Amino acid sequence: MFRKSIAQKIYLCVLVVVLGFTASCKKNNSQPGPEESTPAAPETNNLQTPTTDRNLLTKDSIFLYAKQTYFWNVGMPSYDDFNPRRYASNESVVAAIRALKSNGGKDKYSFIDDGSVAGQLSGVSGDYGFSANFDSNDILRIRYVYLGSPADKQGVKRGYRITKVNGSPNVARVNSNIDFLNNAIFGSNPSVSLTLVPPSGGTAFDVTITRETYAINPILFSKTYTAGSKKVGYIVFNSFTTNALPRLDEAFKTFAADGITELVVDLRYNGGGSVATADAFTNLIAPPSQNGKVMYTTYWTQTMQDGKATILENQKFYYQGILYSMFDNSYKPTQAAGNQEVFKKRGTLNNLTRVYFLVTNYTASASELLINNLKPVMDVKLIGSTTYGKPVGFFSIRIDKNDLYIPQFQTKNSVNFGEYFSGMTVDREITDNIAVDFGDPAENLLSQALHYSTFGNFSYVQSNNKISSTSGISSGKSAGLELTDHEFKGMVETRIPGAKR
């Protein structure tokens, strides 16, 4: 049985075959993985006429892969009724799949990508290295910065106010500015110029940040605090990259040495990533008493479970010098097939009694998988706002020069729960305050965790989000226009399930 990381020199050689036409095969580090569906009845595709037009063939392939592997493939229209070639772009075809009635309005996840996501998932990015958005007072601020990124090298930090972008002072939270700001900050421009003011109100300064390739360090901050008589660890984890484990192991080694008994995991902007990384993170936190017990089960489409997703024969990869296809894998929801994960304690942090997760509507997918894994086996508190809601995942399907991501599986934890399409609700709702840096004990979300650790309850929060000493309830979400939700949201299967041969 296979259960190895794709990152371990497993190269995909993806062949797209449509009506006898074979697209070029190339090495790729994309992550495959499987999902859930049911077989479609045989049908005649009268409109799918032979062609050598690669654009039309790609549109055909997007639909045909969905027909056999899409999580909601039951009830999908026929090829002729859908007619993928009528759409102007690949993105339009994917948008039409998201709009299908068969998914019941649940698909906010499917997309097609040029390979950038695969790079980010492996821990390599080629952007500016920062994110920005408006705070609850409609002020444009830096949300986070990756260490070692171009922005970090220019001294950019979370909380800094942005007063000009590319020389323009038009940074107010109004419709007329949104497209300009999205293009400047999250577009494909080679550089962006910012005028910044520190949160303390110091002197404004200008920076020009040039796009470059850098290694992503998903740990933005970590520290141990004393809360009453307890030691509490805090870690800001921003992406489930496949290169994260050495850094996570080192951070948890420090927490164990510090003698922490409670842990705060900050996932407020973490849209997910590698399932394997989520599994390892779960095992760093989970109590040793869970060893060998079921962590979660992966349910792929029925079509894939029944071995009828024959189109996957075109998704090729090498493993230990042998050429396989994704059709060679078993997708049954069993341990023998590699689709039921069990707890395997990692590291030496064995005395955790409670874990707090700091979350927002940007918290998705592999982040939610981590939370859902732990909820049945230990005391879990959620602080912030309702999460994104993505209990389904995928592996990349290589089509010509594109990577297609469509939901193919759902995960359910040890008590068979995985229905959080509307997000996970929190135990204490409170607004994210971008103006305060990670690790500041007065920051809204972290302060609630530290208060609960010390006093056994959440602190009362007034309407202006200032914390008082009495217990009670609280809250507030920022409203209004936002910049593009550009963070990747995905739970990507980066391992190969059990092979049938």
Protein backbone atom coordinates (compact mmCIF):
# COMPACT_ATOMS: atom_id res chain seq x y z
CA MET A 1 0.00 0.00 0.00
CA PHE A 2 1.19 3.53 -0.74
CA ARG A 3 0.98 6.27 1.88
CA LYS A 4 4.01 8.35 0.94
CA SER A 5 4.30 12.08 0.50
CA ILE A 6 4.23 13.33 -3.07
CA ALA A 7 7.03 15.64 -2.00
CA GLN A 8 9.29 12.58 -1.71
CA LYS A 9 10.38 12.72 -5.36
CA ILE A 10 7.12 11.39 -6.75
CA TYR A 11 6.77 13.05 -10.14
CA LEU A 12 3.44 13.33 -11.84
CA CYS A 13 3.39 12.70 -15.54
CA VAL A 14 -0.10 13.82 -16.49
CA LEU A 15 -1.62 12.77 -19.78
CA VAL A 16 -4.83 14.40 -20.84
CA VAL A 17 -6.57 12.12 -23.32
CA VAL A 18 -9.73 13.38 -24.99
CA LEU A 19 -11.03 11.60 -28.07
CA GLY A 20 -7.65 10.12 -28.84
CA PHE A 21 -5.72 13.39 -28.46
CA THR A 22 -2.84 13.23 -25.99
CA ALA A 23 -1.43 16.40 -24.47
CA SER A 24 2.23 16.76 -23.57
CA CYS A 25 3.59 15.04 -20.50
CA LYS A 26 5.78 16.97 -18.06
CA LYS A 27 7.34 16.57 -14.63
CA ASN A 28 5.36 18.21 -11.90
CA ASN A 29 5.40 18.38 -8.13
CA SER A 30 1.63 18.87 -7.82
CA GLN A 31 -0.11 16.91 -5.12
CA PRO A 32 -2.56 14.20 -6.12
CA GLY A 33 -5.16 12.80 -3.78
CA PRO A 34 -8.73 11.41 -4.15
CA GLU A 35 -12.45 12.35 -3.20
CA GLU A 36 -16.18 11.31 -3.26
CA SER A 37 -18.88 10.81 -6.05
CA THR A 38 -21.20 8.33 -7.81
CA PRO A 39 -21.12 6.82 -11.32
CA ALA A 40 -22.95 8.59 -14.09
CA ALA A 41 -25.07 6.65 -16.57
CA PRO A 42 -23.56 6.00 -20.02
CA GLU A 43 -24.43 8.76 -22.44
CA THR A 44 -23.78 9.88 -26.00
CA ASN A 45 -21.74 13.03 -26.40
CA ASN A 46 -22.91 14.26 -29.76
CA LEU A 47 -21.29 17.67 -29.36
CA GLN A 48 -17.87 16.31 -28.38
CA THR A 49 -16.48 16.18 -31.89
CA PRO A 50 -12.83 15.32 -32.65
CA THR A 51 -10.48 18.30 -32.54
CA THR A 52 -6.81 19.19 -32.05
CA ASP A 53 -7.64 22.58 -30.51
CA ARG A 54 -5.93 22.43 -27.09
CA ASN A 55 -8.21 25.08 -25.64
CA LEU A 56 -11.34 23.09 -26.50
CA LEU A 57 -9.75 19.87 -25.28
CA THR A 58 -8.91 21.47 -21.95
CA LYS A 59 -12.52 22.59 -21.51
CA ASP A 60 -13.70 19.09 -22.37
CA SER A 61 -11.27 17.59 -19.85
CA ILE A 62 -12.41 19.88 -17.02
CA PHE A 63 -15.97 18.65 -17.44
CA LEU A 64 -15.07 14.98 -18.00
CA TYR A 65 -12.86 14.82 -14.91
CA ALA A 66 -15.66 16.41 -12.89
CA LYS A 67 -18.13 13.90 -14.28
CA GLN A 68 -16.18 11.03 -12.71
CA THR A 69 -14.41 12.55 -9.70
CA TYR A 70 -16.44 15.60 -8.53
CA PHE A 71 -17.77 15.22 -4.99
CA TRP A 72 -21.24 16.21 -6.22
CA ASN A 73 -21.17 14.36 -9.55
CA VAL A 74 -24.50 12.63 -8.93
CA GLY A 75 -27.07 14.50 -11.01
CA MET A 76 -24.53 16.32 -13.17
CA PRO A 77 -25.79 17.12 -16.69
CA SER A 78 -24.64 15.23 -19.77
CA TYR A 79 -21.79 16.55 -21.88
CA ASP A 80 -24.26 17.83 -24.48
CA ASP A 81 -26.41 19.61 -21.89
CA PHE A 82 -23.38 21.20 -20.22
CA ASN A 83 -21.46 21.82 -23.48
CA PRO A 84 -18.10 22.93 -22.01
CA ARG A 85 -16.84 24.30 -25.34
CA ARG A 86 -19.40 27.12 -25.30
CA TYR A 87 -17.59 28.85 -22.42
CA ALA A 88 -15.12 31.63 -23.14
CA SER A 89 -12.42 30.44 -20.73
CA ASN A 90 -11.33 27.56 -18.49
CA GLU A 91 -12.31 29.66 -15.49
CA SER A 92 -15.81 30.03 -16.92
CA VAL A 93 -16.14 26.25 -17.23
CA VAL A 94 -15.12 25.83 -13.57
CA ALA A 95 -17.53 28.59 -12.53
CA ALA A 96 -20.32 26.75 -14.34
CA ILE A 97 -19.44 23.57 -12.42
CA ARG A 98 -19.58 25.50 -9.16
CA ALA A 99 -23.05 26.71 -10.17
CA LEU A 100 -24.45 23.21 -10.82
CA LYS A 101 -27.59 22.26 -8.93
CA SER A 102 -26.04 18.88 -8.07
CA ASN A 103 -23.84 20.47 -5.39
CA GLY A 104 -26.76 22.13 -3.60
CA GLY A 105 -25.02 25.50 -3.57
CA LYS A 106 -22.12 24.13 -1.50
CA ASP A 107 -19.28 24.47 -4.00
CA LYS A 108 -17.34 27.64 -3.24
CA TYR A 109 -14.08 25.74 -3.63
CA SER A 110 -13.42 24.61 -7.24
CA PHE A 111 -10.80 26.50 -9.22
CA ILE A 112 -8.15 26.12 -11.91
CA ASP A 113 -4.58 27.28 -11.44
CA ASP A 114 -1.37 27.76 -13.41
CA GLY A 115 0.75 25.77 -10.95
CA SER A 116 1.29 28.56 -8.41
CA VAL A 117 -0.68 26.75 -5.72
CA ALA A 118 1.52 23.65 -6.03
CA GLY A 119 4.57 25.84 -5.47
CA GLN A 120 3.06 27.55 -2.44
CA LEU A 121 2.00 24.20 -1.02
CA SER A 122 5.60 23.01 -1.21
CA GLY A 123 6.69 26.13 0.68
CA VAL A 124 7.86 28.35 -2.16
CA SER A 125 6.19 31.61 -3.13
CA GLY A 126 6.89 34.34 -5.66
CA ASP A 127 4.97 37.34 -4.34
CA TYR A 128 5.66 40.33 -2.08
CA GLY A 129 5.33 38.31 1.11
CA PHE A 130 2.63 40.31 2.86
CA SER A 131 -1.14 40.59 3.09
CA ALA A 132 -3.25 43.67 3.75
CA ASN A 133 -6.87 44.54 4.44
CA PHE A 134 -9.07 47.04 6.23
CA ASP A 135 -9.44 46.93 9.99
CA SER A 136 -12.69 47.43 11.89
CA ASN A 137 -12.14 51.20 11.71
CA ASP A 138 -11.86 51.10 7.88
CA ILE A 139 -8.11 51.75 7.97
CA LEU A 140 -5.94 49.86 5.46
CA ARG A 141 -3.25 47.92 7.33
CA ILE A 142 -0.69 45.15 6.93
CA ARG A 143 -2.23 41.89 8.18
CA TYR A 144 0.86 39.69 8.19
CA VAL A 145 4.35 39.39 6.73
CA TYR A 146 6.29 36.20 6.00
CA LEU A 147 9.74 36.12 7.56
CA GLY A 148 12.47 36.30 4.93
CA SER A 149 10.08 37.60 2.27
CA PRO A 150 10.63 40.78 0.20
CA ALA A 151 8.28 42.72 2.53
CA ASP A 152 10.12 41.49 5.62
CA LYS A 153 13.44 42.64 4.14
CA GLN A 154 11.94 46.13 3.80
CA GLY A 155 10.96 46.24 7.48
CA VAL A 156 7.22 45.84 6.91
CA LYS A 157 5.28 44.54 9.93
CA ARG A 158 1.75 43.60 10.92
CA GLY A 159 -0.34 46.56 12.00
CA TYR A 160 1.41 49.20 9.92
CA ARG A 161 -1.04 51.65 8.40
CA ILE A 162 -0.91 52.06 4.62
CA THR A 163 -1.50 55.69 3.63
CA LYS A 164 -0.38 55.51 -0.02
CA VAL A 165 -0.14 52.75 -2.62
CA ASN A 166 2.03 53.42 -5.66
CA GLY A 167 1.98 57.09 -4.74
CA SER A 168 -1.81 57.31 -4.59
CA PRO A 169 -3.55 58.40 -1.37
CA ASN A 170 -6.78 56.71 -2.55
CA VAL A 171 -6.79 53.98 0.08
CA ALA A 172 -10.16 54.62 1.73
CA ARG A 173 -12.63 51.76 2.06
CA VAL A 174 -14.87 52.76 -0.86
CA ASN A 175 -15.90 50.98 -4.05
CA SER A 176 -13.89 53.23 -6.34
CA ASN A 177 -10.62 52.19 -4.68
CA ILE A 178 -11.05 48.43 -4.34
CA ASP A 179 -10.02 47.36 -7.86
CA PHE A 180 -6.96 49.63 -7.77
CA LEU A 181 -5.84 48.29 -4.39
CA ASN A 182 -6.43 44.64 -5.32
CA ASN A 183 -4.41 45.01 -8.51
CA ALA A 184 -1.57 46.88 -6.81
CA ILE A 185 -1.24 44.64 -3.75
CA PHE A 186 -2.34 41.22 -5.02
CA GLY A 187 -1.88 41.52 -8.79
CA SER A 188 1.04 40.40 -10.94
CA ASN A 189 2.99 43.66 -10.95
CA PRO A 190 6.77 43.29 -10.45
CA SER A 191 6.77 45.74 -7.52
CA VAL A 192 4.56 47.86 -5.28
CA SER A 193 5.35 51.09 -3.43
CA LEU A 194 3.79 51.77 -0.04
CA THR A 195 3.79 54.65 2.41
CA LEU A 196 3.56 53.18 5.90
CA VAL A 197 2.94 54.50 9.40
CA PRO A 198 3.73 52.35 12.48
CA PRO A 199 0.77 51.59 14.80
CA SER A 200 2.36 53.78 17.49
CA GLY A 201 1.92 56.78 15.17
CA GLY A 202 5.60 57.25 14.35
CA THR A 203 7.04 58.88 11.25
CA ALA A 204 5.71 57.75 7.88
CA PHE A 205 8.19 56.04 5.59
CA ASP A 206 8.21 54.76 2.02
CA VAL A 207 9.13 51.28 0.81
CA THR A 208 9.25 49.67 -2.61
CA ILE A 209 8.74 45.92 -2.46
CA THR A 210 9.90 43.85 -5.43
CA ARG A 211 8.40 40.45 -6.13
CA GLU A 212 10.83 37.55 -5.72
CA THR A 213 10.90 33.83 -4.98
CA TYR A 214 11.36 32.94 -1.31
CA ALA A 215 10.85 30.03 1.06
CA ILE A 216 7.66 30.32 3.10
CA ASN A 217 8.08 30.01 6.86
CA PRO A 218 4.47 29.31 7.94
CA ILE A 219 5.23 30.01 11.62
CA LEU A 220 4.81 33.76 11.97
CA PHE A 221 5.32 33.87 15.75
CA SER A 222 5.68 31.58 18.77
CA LYS A 223 6.14 32.22 22.48
CA THR A 224 5.41 30.77 25.92
CA TYR A 225 3.35 32.85 28.40
CA THR A 226 2.61 32.55 32.09
CA ALA A 227 -1.14 32.73 32.77
CA GLY A 228 -1.76 32.54 36.49
CA SER A 229 0.00 29.35 37.55
CA LYS A 230 0.03 27.87 34.04
CA LYS A 231 2.48 27.89 31.17
CA VAL A 232 0.67 28.54 27.87
CA GLY A 233 2.25 28.10 24.45
CA TYR A 234 1.26 30.32 21.52
CA ILE A 235 1.98 29.68 17.85
CA VAL A 236 0.82 31.59 14.77
CA PHE A 237 0.61 29.07 11.94
CA ASN A 238 -0.30 30.58 8.58
CA SER A 239 -0.18 27.77 6.00
CA PHE A 240 -0.05 23.96 5.94
CA THR A 241 2.96 23.75 3.63
CA THR A 242 4.71 20.44 3.06
CA ASN A 243 8.00 21.92 4.38
CA ALA A 244 6.52 22.95 7.75
CA LEU A 245 7.26 19.89 9.87
CA PRO A 246 10.87 20.61 10.92
CA ARG A 247 9.79 24.07 12.13
CA LEU A 248 6.73 22.69 13.90
CA ASP A 249 8.80 19.99 15.58
CA GLU A 250 11.28 22.60 16.81
CA ALA A 251 8.54 24.88 18.16
CA PHE A 252 6.88 22.00 20.03
CA LYS A 253 10.22 20.86 21.38
CA THR A 254 10.54 24.33 22.94
CA PHE A 255 6.98 24.18 24.30
CA ALA A 256 7.72 20.80 25.91
CA ALA A 257 10.90 22.17 27.49
CA ASP A 258 8.92 25.16 28.81
CA GLY A 259 6.43 22.80 30.46
CA ILE A 260 3.28 24.19 28.86
CA THR A 261 -0.04 22.57 29.75
CA GLU A 262 -2.24 24.66 27.44
CA LEU A 263 -1.72 25.77 23.85
CA VAL A 264 -3.02 28.60 21.68
CA VAL A 265 -2.91 27.89 17.92
CA ASP A 266 -3.50 31.01 15.82
CA LEU A 267 -5.06 30.02 12.49
CA ARG A 268 -6.89 33.27 11.78
CA TYR A 269 -5.58 33.63 8.19
CA ASN A 270 -4.72 30.00 7.51
CA GLY A 271 -6.65 28.75 4.47
CA GLY A 272 -5.25 25.23 4.69
CA GLY A 273 -2.90 23.15 2.55
CA SER A 274 -1.40 19.72 3.00
CA VAL A 275 -3.45 17.00 4.70
CA ALA A 276 -0.21 15.27 5.76
CA THR A 277 0.92 18.42 7.58
CA ALA A 278 -2.46 18.66 9.31
CA ASP A 279 -2.09 15.03 10.45
CA ALA A 280 1.38 15.69 11.88
CA PHE A 281 0.20 18.86 13.62
CA THR A 282 -2.71 16.91 15.13
CA ASN A 283 -0.28 14.32 16.50
CA LEU A 284 1.91 17.01 18.06
CA ILE A 285 -1.10 18.21 20.09
CA ALA A 286 -3.16 15.06 20.75
CA PRO A 287 -2.73 13.13 24.02
CA PRO A 288 -0.65 9.91 23.83
CA SER A 289 -3.67 7.99 25.12
CA GLN A 290 -5.22 8.30 21.64
CA ASN A 291 -2.42 6.35 19.93
CA GLY A 292 -3.81 3.77 17.52
CA LYS A 293 -7.37 5.10 17.69
CA VAL A 294 -9.16 6.51 14.64
CA MET A 295 -8.40 10.17 13.95
CA TYR A 296 -10.59 10.62 10.86
CA THR A 297 -11.85 8.82 7.76
CA THR A 298 -11.66 10.06 4.18
CA TYR A 299 -14.72 9.42 2.03
CA TRP A 300 -14.06 9.69 -1.72
CA THR A 301 -16.76 9.78 -4.39
CA GLN A 302 -18.61 6.52 -4.85
CA THR A 303 -17.41 6.45 -8.47
CA MET A 304 -13.83 6.39 -7.23
CA GLN A 305 -14.56 3.91 -4.44
CA ASP A 306 -16.13 1.55 -6.98
CA GLY A 307 -13.09 1.77 -9.27
CA LYS A 308 -15.08 3.38 -12.07
CA ALA A 309 -13.26 6.71 -12.36
CA THR A 310 -11.32 5.40 -15.34
CA ILE A 311 -10.35 8.88 -16.48
CA LEU A 312 -7.78 8.85 -13.67
CA GLU A 313 -5.72 6.43 -15.75
CA ASN A 314 -4.49 9.60 -17.48
CA GLN A 315 -3.04 11.06 -14.25
CA LYS A 316 0.40 9.40 -14.20
CA PHE A 317 3.21 9.53 -11.66
CA TYR A 318 6.42 7.69 -10.85
CA TYR A 319 6.92 6.04 -7.49
CA GLN A 320 10.21 4.22 -6.77
CA GLY A 321 10.92 4.04 -10.48
CA ILE A 322 7.58 2.50 -11.43
CA LEU A 323 4.93 4.34 -13.44
CA TYR A 324 1.47 4.36 -11.83
CA SER A 325 -1.77 6.22 -12.42
CA MET A 326 -4.22 7.64 -9.93
CA PHE A 327 -6.65 4.94 -11.11
CA ASP A 328 -4.34 2.34 -9.52
CA ASN A 329 -5.25 3.58 -6.04
CA SER A 330 -7.92 2.25 -3.73
CA TYR A 331 -10.41 4.87 -2.57
CA LYS A 332 -12.36 2.76 -0.10
CA PRO A 333 -12.83 4.35 3.38
CA THR A 334 -10.67 1.81 5.21
CA GLN A 335 -7.31 1.72 6.98
CA ALA A 336 -6.13 -0.98 4.57
CA ALA A 337 -6.72 1.39 1.66
CA GLY A 338 -4.92 4.20 3.51
CA ASN A 339 -8.09 6.26 3.88
CA GLN A 340 -8.58 6.02 7.62
CA GLU A 341 -5.96 7.84 9.67
CA VAL A 342 -5.11 6.85 13.26
CA PHE A 343 -3.43 8.90 15.96
CA LYS A 344 0.35 8.49 16.18
CA LYS A 345 1.78 10.74 18.88
CA ARG A 346 4.55 13.00 17.63
CA GLY A 347 7.08 14.76 19.86
CA THR A 348 7.26 14.89 23.65
CA LEU A 349 4.52 17.39 24.52
CA ASN A 350 2.33 14.96 26.43
CA ASN A 351 0.58 17.03 29.10
CA LEU A 352 -1.72 19.38 27.20
CA THR A 353 -5.12 19.73 28.87
CA ARG A 354 -6.65 22.32 26.57
CA VAL A 355 -6.07 23.90 23.16
CA TYR A 356 -7.45 27.26 22.01
CA PHE A 357 -7.82 27.97 18.29
CA LEU A 358 -7.91 31.60 17.13
CA VAL A 359 -10.01 31.65 13.98
CA THR A 360 -11.80 33.91 11.48
CA ASN A 361 -13.75 33.43 8.26
CA TYR A 362 -10.34 33.02 6.56
CA THR A 363 -9.66 29.85 8.59
CA ALA A 364 -10.39 26.96 6.24
CA SER A 365 -9.87 23.43 5.10
CA ALA A 366 -6.75 21.79 6.60
CA SER A 367 -7.08 24.26 9.52
CA GLU A 368 -10.62 23.03 10.13
CA LEU A 369 -9.45 19.43 9.72
CA LEU A 370 -6.94 19.97 12.54
CA ILE A 371 -9.66 21.40 14.80
CA ASN A 372 -12.18 18.70 13.91
CA ASN A 373 -9.61 15.95 14.58
CA LEU A 374 -9.01 17.19 18.12
CA LYS A 375 -12.53 18.14 19.23
CA PRO A 376 -13.57 14.59 20.23
CA VAL A 377 -10.37 13.83 22.18
CA MET A 378 -9.55 16.94 24.24
CA ASP A 379 -10.85 20.28 25.52
CA VAL A 380 -10.99 22.63 22.51
CA LYS A 381 -12.02 26.30 22.56
CA LEU A 382 -12.56 28.46 19.48
CA ILE A 383 -12.09 32.23 19.68
CA GLY A 384 -12.74 34.81 16.96
CA SER A 385 -15.44 34.37 14.31
CA THR A 386 -17.08 31.50 12.41
CA THR A 387 -14.63 29.70 10.16
CA TYR A 388 -14.89 29.43 6.37
CA GLY A 389 -16.42 25.95 6.20
CA LYS A 390 -14.59 23.45 3.99
CA PRO A 391 -14.86 19.81 5.07
CA VAL A 392 -14.02 18.65 1.53
CA GLY A 393 -10.68 18.39 -0.21
CA PHE A 394 -9.00 17.50 -3.47
CA PHE A 395 -5.84 16.59 -5.30
CA SER A 396 -4.61 18.47 -8.34
CA ILE A 397 -5.61 17.16 -11.74
CA ARG A 398 -3.07 18.16 -14.37
CA ILE A 399 -4.68 19.24 -17.64
CA ASP A 400 -2.19 20.49 -20.22
CA LYS A 401 -0.56 23.47 -18.44
CA ASN A 402 -3.22 23.79 -15.76
CA ASP A 403 -3.96 22.28 -12.35
CA LEU A 404 -7.66 21.64 -11.76
CA TYR A 405 -8.90 21.53 -8.16
CA ILE A 406 -12.42 20.22 -7.64
CA PRO A 407 -13.71 18.68 -4.37
CA GLN A 408 -13.37 14.91 -4.43
CA PHE A 409 -13.49 13.80 -0.77
CA GLN A 410 -14.90 14.65 2.63
CA THR A 411 -13.27 13.93 5.98
CA LYS A 412 -15.13 12.94 9.15
CA ASN A 413 -13.56 12.70 12.60
CA SER A 414 -13.57 9.81 15.09
CA VAL A 415 -17.22 10.46 16.01
CA ASN A 416 -18.13 10.63 12.29
CA PHE A 417 -18.66 14.40 12.22
CA GLY A 418 -17.66 16.43 9.20
CA GLU A 419 -20.69 18.54 8.30
CA TYR A 420 -19.32 22.05 8.75
CA PHE A 421 -19.98 23.49 5.30
CA SER A 422 -21.29 26.65 6.99
CA GLY A 423 -18.18 26.93 9.13
CA MET A 424 -17.35 26.14 12.74
CA THR A 425 -18.92 28.44 15.31
CA VAL A 426 -16.80 29.88 18.10
CA ASP A 427 -17.01 29.78 21.88
CA ARG A 428 -16.16 33.48 22.06
CA GLU A 429 -16.89 35.80 19.16
CA ILE A 430 -14.59 38.80 18.91
CA THR A 431 -13.18 41.00 16.15
CA ASP A 432 -9.66 40.59 14.83
CA ASN A 433 -7.65 43.75 15.53
CA ILE A 434 -5.10 44.11 12.74
CA ALA A 435 -3.50 47.13 14.43
CA VAL A 436 -2.03 44.96 17.21
CA ASP A 437 0.91 42.67 16.44
CA PHE A 438 0.92 38.91 16.98
CA GLY A 439 1.96 37.96 20.49
CA ASP A 440 0.80 41.13 22.23
CA PRO A 441 -1.11 39.89 25.32
CA ALA A 442 -3.58 42.75 24.79
CA GLU A 443 -4.46 41.63 21.23
CA ASN A 444 -8.16 40.80 21.10
CA LEU A 445 -8.11 37.08 20.32
CA LEU A 446 -4.97 36.09 22.24
CA SER A 447 -6.06 38.03 25.32
CA GLN A 448 -9.27 35.99 25.48
CA ALA A 449 -7.32 32.72 25.50
CA LEU A 450 -4.95 33.96 28.20
CA HIS A 451 -7.88 35.24 30.28
CA TYR A 452 -9.67 31.90 30.04
CA SER A 453 -6.49 30.05 30.99
CA THR A 454 -6.06 32.26 34.05
CA PHE A 455 -9.66 32.59 35.28
CA GLY A 456 -11.61 29.79 33.64
CA ASN A 457 -13.89 32.12 31.67
CA PHE A 458 -13.77 34.63 28.84
CA SER A 459 -13.43 38.31 29.66
CA TYR A 460 -16.19 40.80 29.01
CA VAL A 461 -15.64 42.85 25.87
CA GLN A 462 -17.33 46.21 25.39
CA SER A 463 -18.50 47.47 22.01
CA ASN A 464 -15.13 49.11 21.34
CA ASN A 465 -13.42 45.74 21.98
CA LYS A 466 -11.71 46.99 25.15
CA ILE A 467 -11.46 44.22 27.71
CA SER A 468 -12.76 44.59 31.25
CA SER A 469 -12.16 42.26 34.16
CA THR A 470 -15.69 40.92 34.61
CA SER A 471 -17.01 37.85 32.86
CA GLY A 472 -19.77 38.01 30.28
CA ILE A 473 -20.34 37.92 26.57
CA SER A 474 -19.33 40.09 23.77
CA SER A 475 -18.55 40.71 20.28
CA GLY A 476 -18.50 42.36 16.92
CA LYS A 477 -17.44 41.71 13.35
CA SER A 478 -16.09 44.28 10.98
CA ALA A 479 -18.41 45.05 8.08
CA GLY A 480 -18.02 46.68 4.72
CA LEU A 481 -15.83 46.27 1.70
CA GLU A 482 -12.84 43.96 1.78
CA LEU A 483 -9.86 43.46 -0.47
CA THR A 484 -9.69 40.26 -2.46
CA ASP A 485 -9.82 37.09 -0.39
CA HIS A 486 -6.58 35.98 -2.05
CA GLU A 487 -5.46 33.34 0.45
CA PHE A 488 -5.56 29.79 -0.91
CA LYS A 489 -8.29 27.72 0.71
CA GLY A 490 -7.74 24.03 0.32
CA MET A 491 -7.31 20.63 1.91
CA VAL A 492 -4.93 18.94 -0.51
CA GLU A 493 -4.26 15.22 -0.30
CA THR A 494 -0.49 15.04 -0.66
CA ARG A 495 -0.24 11.30 -0.14
CA ILE A 496 -1.11 8.39 -2.35
CA PRO A 497 -3.83 6.10 -0.94
CA GLY A 498 -3.48 2.33 -1.09
CA ALA A 499 -2.72 1.06 -4.57
CA LYS A 500 -4.93 -1.63 -6.03
CA ARG A 501 -2.01 -3.47 -7.55
